[in-house]
Amino acid sequence: MPYKVYYSFLHRNEDPYLADTYKLYRQAISGSSSGSFEYVTGHSAGKVGDPVLVTGIDYVSGCDTTYNYKVSAINSNGEIFCINPVVSGVNFPC
């Protein structure tokens, strides 16, 4: 059975932190084995302002697995070091 993880974050999408895209990454940890952060989805920045709200849903299938998430803001120069929220410890008991 898939589980839904709702995410929402705010970003001040103005100079000098102007983003074109936001990328969501997920890391799955099962027992003592943890993988690397893997790309889940991207969102177009769409607008400029303070704040810009980005929301969505991620579907995960593993129970007794812990999920960590991080978000990166990206522009033509690469990752912008103004937003790096990390959420740790999302899990669903079996």
PDB file of N, CA and C in Angstrom:
ATOM      1  N   MET A   1       0.844  -1.172   0.000  1.00  0.00           N
ATOM      2  CA  MET A   1       0.000   0.000   0.000  1.00  0.00           C
ATOM      3  C   MET A   1       0.897   1.246   0.000  1.00  0.00           C
ATOM      4  N   PRO A   2       0.707   2.156  -0.934  1.00  0.00           N
ATOM      5  CA  PRO A   2       1.523   3.374  -0.938  1.00  0.00           C
ATOM      6  C   PRO A   2       1.086   4.344   0.160  1.00  0.00           C
ATOM      7  N   TYR A   3       2.049   5.066   0.672  1.00  0.00           N
ATOM      8  CA  TYR A   3       1.802   6.087   1.681  1.00  0.00           C
ATOM      9  C   TYR A   3       2.059   7.455   1.041  1.00  0.00           C
ATOM     10  N   LYS A   4       1.298   8.446   1.463  1.00  0.00           N
ATOM     11  CA  LYS A   4       1.458   9.793   0.927  1.00  0.00           C
ATOM     12  C   LYS A   4       2.266  10.635   1.907  1.00  0.00           C
ATOM     13  N   VAL A   5       3.250  11.328   1.375  1.00  0.00           N
ATOM     14  CA  VAL A   5       4.010  12.298   2.154  1.00  0.00           C
ATOM     15  C   VAL A   5       3.747  13.667   1.526  1.00  0.00           C
ATOM     16  N   TYR A   6       3.071  14.522   2.269  1.00  0.00           N
ATOM     17  CA  TYR A   6       2.770  15.870   1.797  1.00  0.00           C
ATOM     18  C   TYR A   6       3.931  16.787   2.176  1.00  0.00           C
ATOM     19  N   TYR A   7       4.364  17.595   1.233  1.00  0.00           N
ATOM     20  CA  TYR A   7       5.431  18.545   1.548  1.00  0.00           C
ATOM     21  C   TYR A   7       5.013  19.945   1.119  1.00  0.00           C
ATOM     22  N   SER A   8       5.565  20.909   1.823  1.00  0.00           N
ATOM     23  CA  SER A   8       5.264  22.308   1.571  1.00  0.00           C
ATOM     24  C   SER A   8       6.436  23.132   2.075  1.00  0.00           C
ATOM     25  N   PHE A   9       6.885  24.083   1.276  1.00  0.00           N
ATOM     26  CA  PHE A   9       7.949  24.959   1.730  1.00  0.00           C
ATOM     27  C   PHE A   9       7.806  26.326   1.092  1.00  0.00           C
ATOM     28  N   LEU A  10       8.407  27.302   1.743  1.00  0.00           N
ATOM     29  CA  LEU A  10       8.394  28.680   1.284  1.00  0.00           C
ATOM     30  C   LEU A  10       9.800  29.090   0.886  1.00  0.00           C
ATOM     31  N   HIS A  11       9.900  29.915  -0.131  1.00  0.00           N
ATOM     32  CA  HIS A  11      11.200  30.426  -0.567  1.00  0.00           C
ATOM     33  C   HIS A  11      11.060  31.886  -0.941  1.00  0.00           C
ATOM     34  N   ARG A  12      12.018  32.677  -0.532  1.00  0.00           N
ATOM     35  CA  ARG A  12      12.076  34.088  -0.935  1.00  0.00           C
ATOM     36  C   ARG A  12      12.720  34.143  -2.312  1.00  0.00           C
ATOM     37  N   ASN A  13      11.910  34.048  -3.339  1.00  0.00           N
ATOM     38  CA  ASN A  13      12.415  33.961  -4.716  1.00  0.00           C
ATOM     39  C   ASN A  13      12.638  35.361  -5.287  1.00  0.00           C
ATOM     40  N   GLU A  14      13.683  36.001  -4.794  1.00  0.00           N
ATOM     41  CA  GLU A  14      14.061  37.343  -5.214  1.00  0.00           C
ATOM     42  C   GLU A  14      15.581  37.399  -5.321  1.00  0.00           C
ATOM     43  N   ASP A  15      16.095  38.407  -6.050  1.00  0.00           N
ATOM     44  CA  ASP A  15      17.544  38.586  -6.116  1.00  0.00           C
ATOM     45  C   ASP A  15      18.096  38.742  -4.712  1.00  0.00           C
ATOM     46  N   PRO A  16      19.216  38.170  -4.381  1.00  0.00           N
ATOM     47  CA  PRO A  16      20.139  37.396  -5.223  1.00  0.00           C
ATOM     48  C   PRO A  16      19.866  35.890  -5.198  1.00  0.00           C
ATOM     49  N   TYR A  17      18.697  35.479  -4.698  1.00  0.00           N
ATOM     50  CA  TYR A  17      18.385  34.051  -4.544  1.00  0.00           C
ATOM     51  C   TYR A  17      17.336  33.578  -5.536  1.00  0.00           C
ATOM     52  N   LEU A  18      17.321  34.143  -6.726  1.00  0.00           N
ATOM     53  CA  LEU A  18      16.291  33.852  -7.716  1.00  0.00           C
ATOM     54  C   LEU A  18      16.454  32.447  -8.276  1.00  0.00           C
ATOM     55  N   ALA A  19      15.437  31.630  -8.123  1.00  0.00           N
ATOM     56  CA  ALA A  19      15.460  30.237  -8.586  1.00  0.00           C
ATOM     57  C   ALA A  19      14.575  30.072  -9.816  1.00  0.00           C
ATOM     58  N   ASP A  20      14.978  29.136 -10.682  1.00  0.00           N
ATOM     59  CA  ASP A  20      14.158  28.747 -11.829  1.00  0.00           C
ATOM     60  C   ASP A  20      13.361  27.489 -11.514  1.00  0.00           C
ATOM     61  N   THR A  21      13.976  26.613 -10.714  1.00  0.00           N
ATOM     62  CA  THR A  21      13.416  25.292 -10.428  1.00  0.00           C
ATOM     63  C   THR A  21      13.721  24.906  -8.986  1.00  0.00           C
ATOM     64  N   TYR A  22      12.812  24.125  -8.395  1.00  0.00           N
ATOM     65  CA  TYR A  22      13.047  23.509  -7.095  1.00  0.00           C
ATOM     66  C   TYR A  22      13.093  22.003  -7.307  1.00  0.00           C
ATOM     67  N   LYS A  23      14.051  21.341  -6.699  1.00  0.00           N
ATOM     68  CA  LYS A  23      14.177  19.885  -6.834  1.00  0.00           C
ATOM     69  C   LYS A  23      14.021  19.231  -5.471  1.00  0.00           C
ATOM     70  N   LEU A  24      13.166  18.208  -5.430  1.00  0.00           N
ATOM     71  CA  LEU A  24      12.924  17.448  -4.212  1.00  0.00           C
ATOM     72  C   LEU A  24      13.689  16.128  -4.296  1.00  0.00           C
ATOM     73  N   TYR A  25      14.400  15.794  -3.210  1.00  0.00           N
ATOM     74  CA  TYR A  25      15.165  14.545  -3.132  1.00  0.00           C
ATOM     75  C   TYR A  25      14.707  13.747  -1.916  1.00  0.00           C
ATOM     76  N   ARG A  26      14.794  12.414  -2.019  1.00  0.00           N
ATOM     77  CA  ARG A  26      14.401  11.511  -0.932  1.00  0.00           C
ATOM     78  C   ARG A  26      15.518  10.508  -0.678  1.00  0.00           C
ATOM     79  N   GLN A  27      15.716  10.194   0.596  1.00  0.00           N
ATOM     80  CA  GLN A  27      16.642   9.149   1.012  1.00  0.00           C
ATOM     81  C   GLN A  27      15.852   8.136   1.823  1.00  0.00           C
ATOM     82  N   ALA A  28      15.984   6.860   1.491  1.00  0.00           N
ATOM     83  CA  ALA A  28      15.306   5.793   2.232  1.00  0.00           C
ATOM     84  C   ALA A  28      16.321   5.090   3.131  1.00  0.00           C
ATOM     85  N   ILE A  29      15.926   4.881   4.384  1.00  0.00           N
ATOM     86  CA  ILE A  29      16.778   4.190   5.344  1.00  0.00           C
ATOM     87  C   ILE A  29      15.986   3.009   5.886  1.00  0.00           C
ATOM     88  N   SER A  30      16.512   1.812   5.648  1.00  0.00           N
ATOM     89  CA  SER A  30      15.863   0.590   6.122  1.00  0.00           C
ATOM     90  C   SER A  30      16.850  -0.133   7.033  1.00  0.00           C
ATOM     91  N   GLY A  31      16.500  -0.223   8.314  1.00  0.00           N
ATOM     92  CA  GLY A  31      17.433  -0.814   9.267  1.00  0.00           C
ATOM     93  C   GLY A  31      18.668   0.059   9.393  1.00  0.00           C
ATOM     94  N   SER A  32      19.839  -0.550   9.179  1.00  0.00           N
ATOM     95  CA  SER A  32      21.081   0.223   9.243  1.00  0.00           C
ATOM     96  C   SER A  32      21.593   0.580   7.848  1.00  0.00           C
ATOM     97  N   SER A  33      20.808   0.268   6.826  1.00  0.00           N
ATOM     98  CA  SER A  33      21.211   0.529   5.444  1.00  0.00           C
ATOM     99  C   SER A  33      20.559   1.802   4.933  1.00  0.00           C
ATOM    100  N   SER A  34      21.388   2.766   4.540  1.00  0.00           N
ATOM    101  CA  SER A  34      20.841   4.012   3.997  1.00  0.00           C
ATOM    102  C   SER A  34      21.383   4.238   2.597  1.00  0.00           C
ATOM    103  N   GLY A  35      20.522   4.683   1.744  1.00  0.00           N
ATOM    104  CA  GLY A  35      20.919   4.990   0.379  1.00  0.00           C
ATOM    105  C   GLY A  35      21.262   6.458   0.240  1.00  0.00           C
ATOM    106  N   SER A  36      21.595   6.851  -0.956  1.00  0.00           N
ATOM    107  CA  SER A  36      21.879   8.259  -1.219  1.00  0.00           C
ATOM    108  C   SER A  36      20.560   8.983  -1.488  1.00  0.00           C
ATOM    109  N   PHE A  37      20.610  10.298  -1.483  1.00  0.00           N
ATOM    110  CA  PHE A  37      19.431  11.073  -1.832  1.00  0.00           C
ATOM    111  C   PHE A  37      19.173  10.913  -3.322  1.00  0.00           C
ATOM    112  N   GLU A  38      17.933  10.582  -3.672  1.00  0.00           N
ATOM    113  CA  GLU A  38      17.549  10.387  -5.068  1.00  0.00           C
ATOM    114  C   GLU A  38      16.514  11.425  -5.465  1.00  0.00           C
ATOM    115  N   TYR A  39      16.640  11.896  -6.688  1.00  0.00           N
ATOM    116  CA  TYR A  39      15.721  12.899  -7.228  1.00  0.00           C
ATOM    117  C   TYR A  39      14.314  12.324  -7.296  1.00  0.00           C
ATOM    118  N   VAL A  40      13.341  13.087  -6.799  1.00  0.00           N
ATOM    119  CA  VAL A  40      11.940  12.674  -6.805  1.00  0.00           C
ATOM    120  C   VAL A  40      11.164  13.438  -7.870  1.00  0.00           C
ATOM    121  N   THR A  41      11.215  14.767  -7.798  1.00  0.00           N
ATOM    122  CA  THR A  41      10.463  15.596  -8.736  1.00  0.00           C
ATOM    123  C   THR A  41      10.998  17.022  -8.723  1.00  0.00           C
ATOM    124  N   GLY A  42      10.604  17.760  -9.726  1.00  0.00           N
ATOM    125  CA  GLY A  42      10.977  19.167  -9.816  1.00  0.00           C
ATOM    126  C   GLY A  42       9.747  20.032  -9.953  1.00  0.00           C
ATOM    127  N   HIS A  43       9.875  21.246  -9.503  1.00  0.00           N
ATOM    128  CA  HIS A  43       8.795  22.231  -9.614  1.00  0.00           C
ATOM    129  C   HIS A  43       9.373  23.495 -10.236  1.00  0.00           C
ATOM    130  N   SER A  44       8.699  24.029 -11.211  1.00  0.00           N
ATOM    131  CA  SER A  44       9.093  25.309 -11.784  1.00  0.00           C
ATOM    132  C   SER A  44       8.839  26.394 -10.752  1.00  0.00           C
ATOM    133  N   ALA A  45       9.771  27.339 -10.649  1.00  0.00           N
ATOM    134  CA  ALA A  45       9.587  28.429  -9.687  1.00  0.00           C
ATOM    135  C   ALA A  45       8.333  29.228 -10.031  1.00  0.00           C
ATOM    136  N   GLY A  46       8.091  29.424 -11.311  1.00  0.00           N
ATOM    137  CA  GLY A  46       6.839  30.022 -11.746  1.00  0.00           C
ATOM    138  C   GLY A  46       6.665  31.499 -11.486  1.00  0.00           C
ATOM    139  N   LYS A  47       7.073  31.979 -10.327  1.00  0.00           N
ATOM    140  CA  LYS A  47       6.877  33.389 -10.037  1.00  0.00           C
ATOM    141  C   LYS A  47       7.996  33.895  -9.146  1.00  0.00           C
ATOM    142  N   VAL A  48       8.071  35.189  -9.060  1.00  0.00           N
ATOM    143  CA  VAL A  48       9.061  35.871  -8.231  1.00  0.00           C
ATOM    144  C   VAL A  48       8.319  36.512  -7.075  1.00  0.00           C
ATOM    145  N   GLY A  49       8.908  36.490  -5.908  1.00  0.00           N
ATOM    146  CA  GLY A  49       8.273  37.132  -4.768  1.00  0.00           C
ATOM    147  C   GLY A  49       8.716  36.552  -3.455  1.00  0.00           C
ATOM    148  N   ASP A  50       8.126  37.081  -2.404  1.00  0.00           N
ATOM    149  CA  ASP A  50       8.441  36.631  -1.056  1.00  0.00           C
ATOM    150  C   ASP A  50       7.142  36.500  -0.294  1.00  0.00           C
ATOM    151  N   PRO A  51       6.727  35.356   0.070  1.00  0.00           N
ATOM    152  CA  PRO A  51       7.328  34.064  -0.240  1.00  0.00           C
ATOM    153  C   PRO A  51       6.642  33.382  -1.428  1.00  0.00           C
ATOM    154  N   VAL A  52       7.343  32.435  -2.012  1.00  0.00           N
ATOM    155  CA  VAL A  52       6.780  31.550  -3.027  1.00  0.00           C
ATOM    156  C   VAL A  52       6.492  30.224  -2.323  1.00  0.00           C
ATOM    157  N   LEU A  53       5.290  29.715  -2.474  1.00  0.00           N
ATOM    158  CA  LEU A  53       4.891  28.461  -1.843  1.00  0.00           C
ATOM    159  C   LEU A  53       4.971  27.334  -2.855  1.00  0.00           C
ATOM    160  N   VAL A  54       5.662  26.268  -2.481  1.00  0.00           N
ATOM    161  CA  VAL A  54       5.752  25.072  -3.325  1.00  0.00           C
ATOM    162  C   VAL A  54       5.239  23.897  -2.511  1.00  0.00           C
ATOM    163  N   THR A  55       4.276  23.170  -3.056  1.00  0.00           N
ATOM    164  CA  THR A  55       3.693  22.035  -2.343  1.00  0.00           C
ATOM    165  C   THR A  55       3.580  20.842  -3.276  1.00  0.00           C
ATOM    166  N   GLY A  56       3.416  19.676  -2.706  1.00  0.00           N
ATOM    167  CA  GLY A  56       3.225  18.478  -3.500  1.00  0.00           C
ATOM    168  C   GLY A  56       3.052  17.254  -2.630  1.00  0.00           C
ATOM    169  N   ILE A  57       2.962  16.116  -3.285  1.00  0.00           N
ATOM    170  CA  ILE A  57       2.797  14.827  -2.612  1.00  0.00           C
ATOM    171  C   ILE A  57       3.821  13.861  -3.180  1.00  0.00           C
ATOM    172  N   ASP A  58       4.481  13.133  -2.292  1.00  0.00           N
ATOM    173  CA  ASP A  58       5.369  12.046  -2.695  1.00  0.00           C
ATOM    174  C   ASP A  58       4.716  10.751  -2.219  1.00  0.00           C
ATOM    175  N   TYR A  59       4.797   9.726  -3.039  1.00  0.00           N
ATOM    176  CA  TYR A  59       4.237   8.414  -2.690  1.00  0.00           C
ATOM    177  C   TYR A  59       5.381   7.458  -2.401  1.00  0.00           C
ATOM    178  N   VAL A  60       5.336   6.833  -1.230  1.00  0.00           N
ATOM    179  CA  VAL A  60       6.349   5.846  -0.852  1.00  0.00           C
ATOM    180  C   VAL A  60       5.636   4.544  -0.518  1.00  0.00           C
ATOM    181  N   SER A  61       6.333   3.438  -0.699  1.00  0.00           N
ATOM    182  CA  SER A  61       5.670   2.147  -0.514  1.00  0.00           C
ATOM    183  C   SER A  61       6.153   1.376   0.701  1.00  0.00           C
ATOM    184  N   GLY A  62       7.267   1.752   1.281  1.00  0.00           N
ATOM    185  CA  GLY A  62       7.833   0.945   2.355  1.00  0.00           C
ATOM    186  C   GLY A  62       7.378   1.354   3.735  1.00  0.00           C
ATOM    187  N   CYS A  63       6.867   0.369   4.480  1.00  0.00           N
ATOM    188  CA  CYS A  63       6.623   0.615   5.892  1.00  0.00           C
ATOM    189  C   CYS A  63       7.872   0.147   6.641  1.00  0.00           C
ATOM    190  N   ASP A  64       8.032   0.624   7.855  1.00  0.00           N
ATOM    191  CA  ASP A  64       9.241   0.380   8.651  1.00  0.00           C
ATOM    192  C   ASP A  64      10.492   0.846   7.924  1.00  0.00           C
ATOM    193  N   THR A  65      10.329   1.830   7.071  1.00  0.00           N
ATOM    194  CA  THR A  65      11.432   2.502   6.391  1.00  0.00           C
ATOM    195  C   THR A  65      11.356   3.971   6.769  1.00  0.00           C
ATOM    196  N   THR A  66      12.493   4.566   7.050  1.00  0.00           N
ATOM    197  CA  THR A  66      12.548   5.983   7.385  1.00  0.00           C
ATOM    198  C   THR A  66      12.938   6.752   6.134  1.00  0.00           C
ATOM    199  N   TYR A  67      12.266   7.858   5.908  1.00  0.00           N
ATOM    200  CA  TYR A  67      12.533   8.685   4.735  1.00  0.00           C
ATOM    201  C   TYR A  67      13.020  10.064   5.178  1.00  0.00           C
ATOM    202  N   ASN A  68      14.074  10.515   4.541  1.00  0.00           N
ATOM    203  CA  ASN A  68      14.582  11.864   4.725  1.00  0.00           C
ATOM    204  C   ASN A  68      14.386  12.610   3.414  1.00  0.00           C
ATOM    205  N   TYR A  69      14.075  13.885   3.500  1.00  0.00           N
ATOM    206  CA  TYR A  69      13.839  14.705   2.311  1.00  0.00           C
ATOM    207  C   TYR A  69      14.705  15.949   2.358  1.00  0.00           C
ATOM    208  N   LYS A  70      15.070  16.442   1.178  1.00  0.00           N
ATOM    209  CA  LYS A  70      15.712  17.751   1.086  1.00  0.00           C
ATOM    210  C   LYS A  70      15.247  18.421  -0.194  1.00  0.00           C
ATOM    211  N   VAL A  71      15.311  19.748  -0.192  1.00  0.00           N
ATOM    212  CA  VAL A  71      14.888  20.552  -1.335  1.00  0.00           C
ATOM    213  C   VAL A  71      16.042  21.452  -1.735  1.00  0.00           C
ATOM    214  N   SER A  72      16.266  21.574  -3.033  1.00  0.00           N
ATOM    215  CA  SER A  72      17.282  22.479  -3.563  1.00  0.00           C
ATOM    216  C   SER A  72      16.632  23.472  -4.509  1.00  0.00           C
ATOM    217  N   ALA A  73      17.080  24.719  -4.429  1.00  0.00           N
ATOM    218  CA  ALA A  73      16.670  25.751  -5.380  1.00  0.00           C
ATOM    219  C   ALA A  73      17.765  25.840  -6.434  1.00  0.00           C
ATOM    220  N   ILE A  74      17.366  25.855  -7.710  1.00  0.00           N
ATOM    221  CA  ILE A  74      18.320  25.797  -8.814  1.00  0.00           C
ATOM    222  C   ILE A  74      18.084  26.972  -9.765  1.00  0.00           C
ATOM    223  N   ASN A  75      19.184  27.552 -10.272  1.00  0.00           N
ATOM    224  CA  ASN A  75      19.085  28.506 -11.378  1.00  0.00           C
ATOM    225  C   ASN A  75      20.193  28.189 -12.376  1.00  0.00           C
ATOM    226  N   SER A  76      20.419  29.045 -13.350  1.00  0.00           N
ATOM    227  CA  SER A  76      21.384  28.744 -14.408  1.00  0.00           C
ATOM    228  C   SER A  76      22.815  28.610 -13.899  1.00  0.00           C
ATOM    229  N   ASN A  77      23.092  29.102 -12.705  1.00  0.00           N
ATOM    230  CA  ASN A  77      24.428  28.975 -12.114  1.00  0.00           C
ATOM    231  C   ASN A  77      24.578  27.721 -11.265  1.00  0.00           C
ATOM    232  N   GLY A  78      23.502  26.971 -11.057  1.00  0.00           N
ATOM    233  CA  GLY A  78      23.550  25.764 -10.226  1.00  0.00           C
ATOM    234  C   GLY A  78      22.678  25.917  -8.997  1.00  0.00           C
ATOM    235  N   GLU A  79      23.034  25.192  -7.939  1.00  0.00           N
ATOM    236  CA  GLU A  79      22.261  25.229  -6.700  1.00  0.00           C
ATOM    237  C   GLU A  79      22.489  26.555  -5.984  1.00  0.00           C
ATOM    238  N   ILE A  80      21.400  27.124  -5.488  1.00  0.00           N
ATOM    239  CA  ILE A  80      21.453  28.376  -4.747  1.00  0.00           C
ATOM    240  C   ILE A  80      21.531  28.022  -3.265  1.00  0.00           C
ATOM    241  N   PHE A  81      22.452  28.617  -2.564  1.00  0.00           N
ATOM    242  CA  PHE A  81      22.657  28.257  -1.164  1.00  0.00           C
ATOM    243  C   PHE A  81      21.805  29.091  -0.221  1.00  0.00           C
ATOM    244  N   CYS A  82      20.531  29.246  -0.569  1.00  0.00           N
ATOM    245  CA  CYS A  82      19.622  30.008   0.276  1.00  0.00           C
ATOM    246  C   CYS A  82      18.531  29.118   0.847  1.00  0.00           C
ATOM    247  N   ILE A  83      18.367  27.940   0.274  1.00  0.00           N
ATOM    248  CA  ILE A  83      17.300  27.043   0.722  1.00  0.00           C
ATOM    249  C   ILE A  83      17.826  25.614   0.675  1.00  0.00           C
ATOM    250  N   ASN A  84      17.910  24.990   1.791  1.00  0.00           N
ATOM    251  CA  ASN A  84      18.338  23.601   1.862  1.00  0.00           C
ATOM    252  C   ASN A  84      17.585  22.908   2.991  1.00  0.00           C
ATOM    253  N   PRO A  85      16.260  23.022   3.009  1.00  0.00           N
ATOM    254  CA  PRO A  85      15.565  22.373   4.117  1.00  0.00           C
ATOM    255  C   PRO A  85      15.731  20.859   4.045  1.00  0.00           C
ATOM    256  N   VAL A  86      15.961  20.269   5.188  1.00  0.00           N
ATOM    257  CA  VAL A  86      16.062  18.816   5.290  1.00  0.00           C
ATOM    258  C   VAL A  86      15.048  18.383   6.337  1.00  0.00           C
ATOM    259  N   VAL A  87      14.220  17.415   5.985  1.00  0.00           N
ATOM    260  CA  VAL A  87      13.264  16.832   6.917  1.00  0.00           C
ATOM    261  C   VAL A  87      13.668  15.387   7.127  1.00  0.00           C
ATOM    262  N   SER A  88      13.887  15.010   8.363  1.00  0.00           N
ATOM    263  CA  SER A  88      14.377  13.663   8.677  1.00  0.00           C
ATOM    264  C   SER A  88      13.356  12.890   9.491  1.00  0.00           C
ATOM    265  N   GLY A  89      13.319  11.598   9.285  1.00  0.00           N
ATOM    266  CA  GLY A  89      12.571  10.713  10.157  1.00  0.00           C
ATOM    267  C   GLY A  89      11.125  10.496   9.823  1.00  0.00           C
ATOM    268  N   VAL A  90      10.717  10.683   8.571  1.00  0.00           N
ATOM    269  CA  VAL A  90       9.330  10.388   8.183  1.00  0.00           C
ATOM    270  C   VAL A  90       9.231   8.880   8.021  1.00  0.00           C
ATOM    271  N   ASN A  91       8.314   8.234   8.750  1.00  0.00           N
ATOM    272  CA  ASN A  91       8.175   6.782   8.606  1.00  0.00           C
ATOM    273  C   ASN A  91       6.734   6.363   8.865  1.00  0.00           C
ATOM    274  N   PHE A  92       6.432   5.148   8.420  1.00  0.00           N
ATOM    275  CA  PHE A  92       5.090   4.573   8.539  1.00  0.00           C
ATOM    276  C   PHE A  92       5.224   3.185   9.135  1.00  0.00           C
ATOM    277  N   PRO A  93       4.658   2.946  10.319  1.00  0.00           N
ATOM    278  CA  PRO A  93       4.754   1.603  10.915  1.00  0.00           C
ATOM    279  C   PRO A  93       3.915   0.594  10.143  1.00  0.00           C
ATOM    280  N   CYS A  94       4.371  -0.643  10.139  1.00  0.00           N
ATOM    281  CA  CYS A  94       3.634  -1.718   9.469  1.00  0.00           C
ATOM    282  C   CYS A  94       2.489  -2.207  10.334  1.00  0.00           C
TER     283      CYS A  94
END
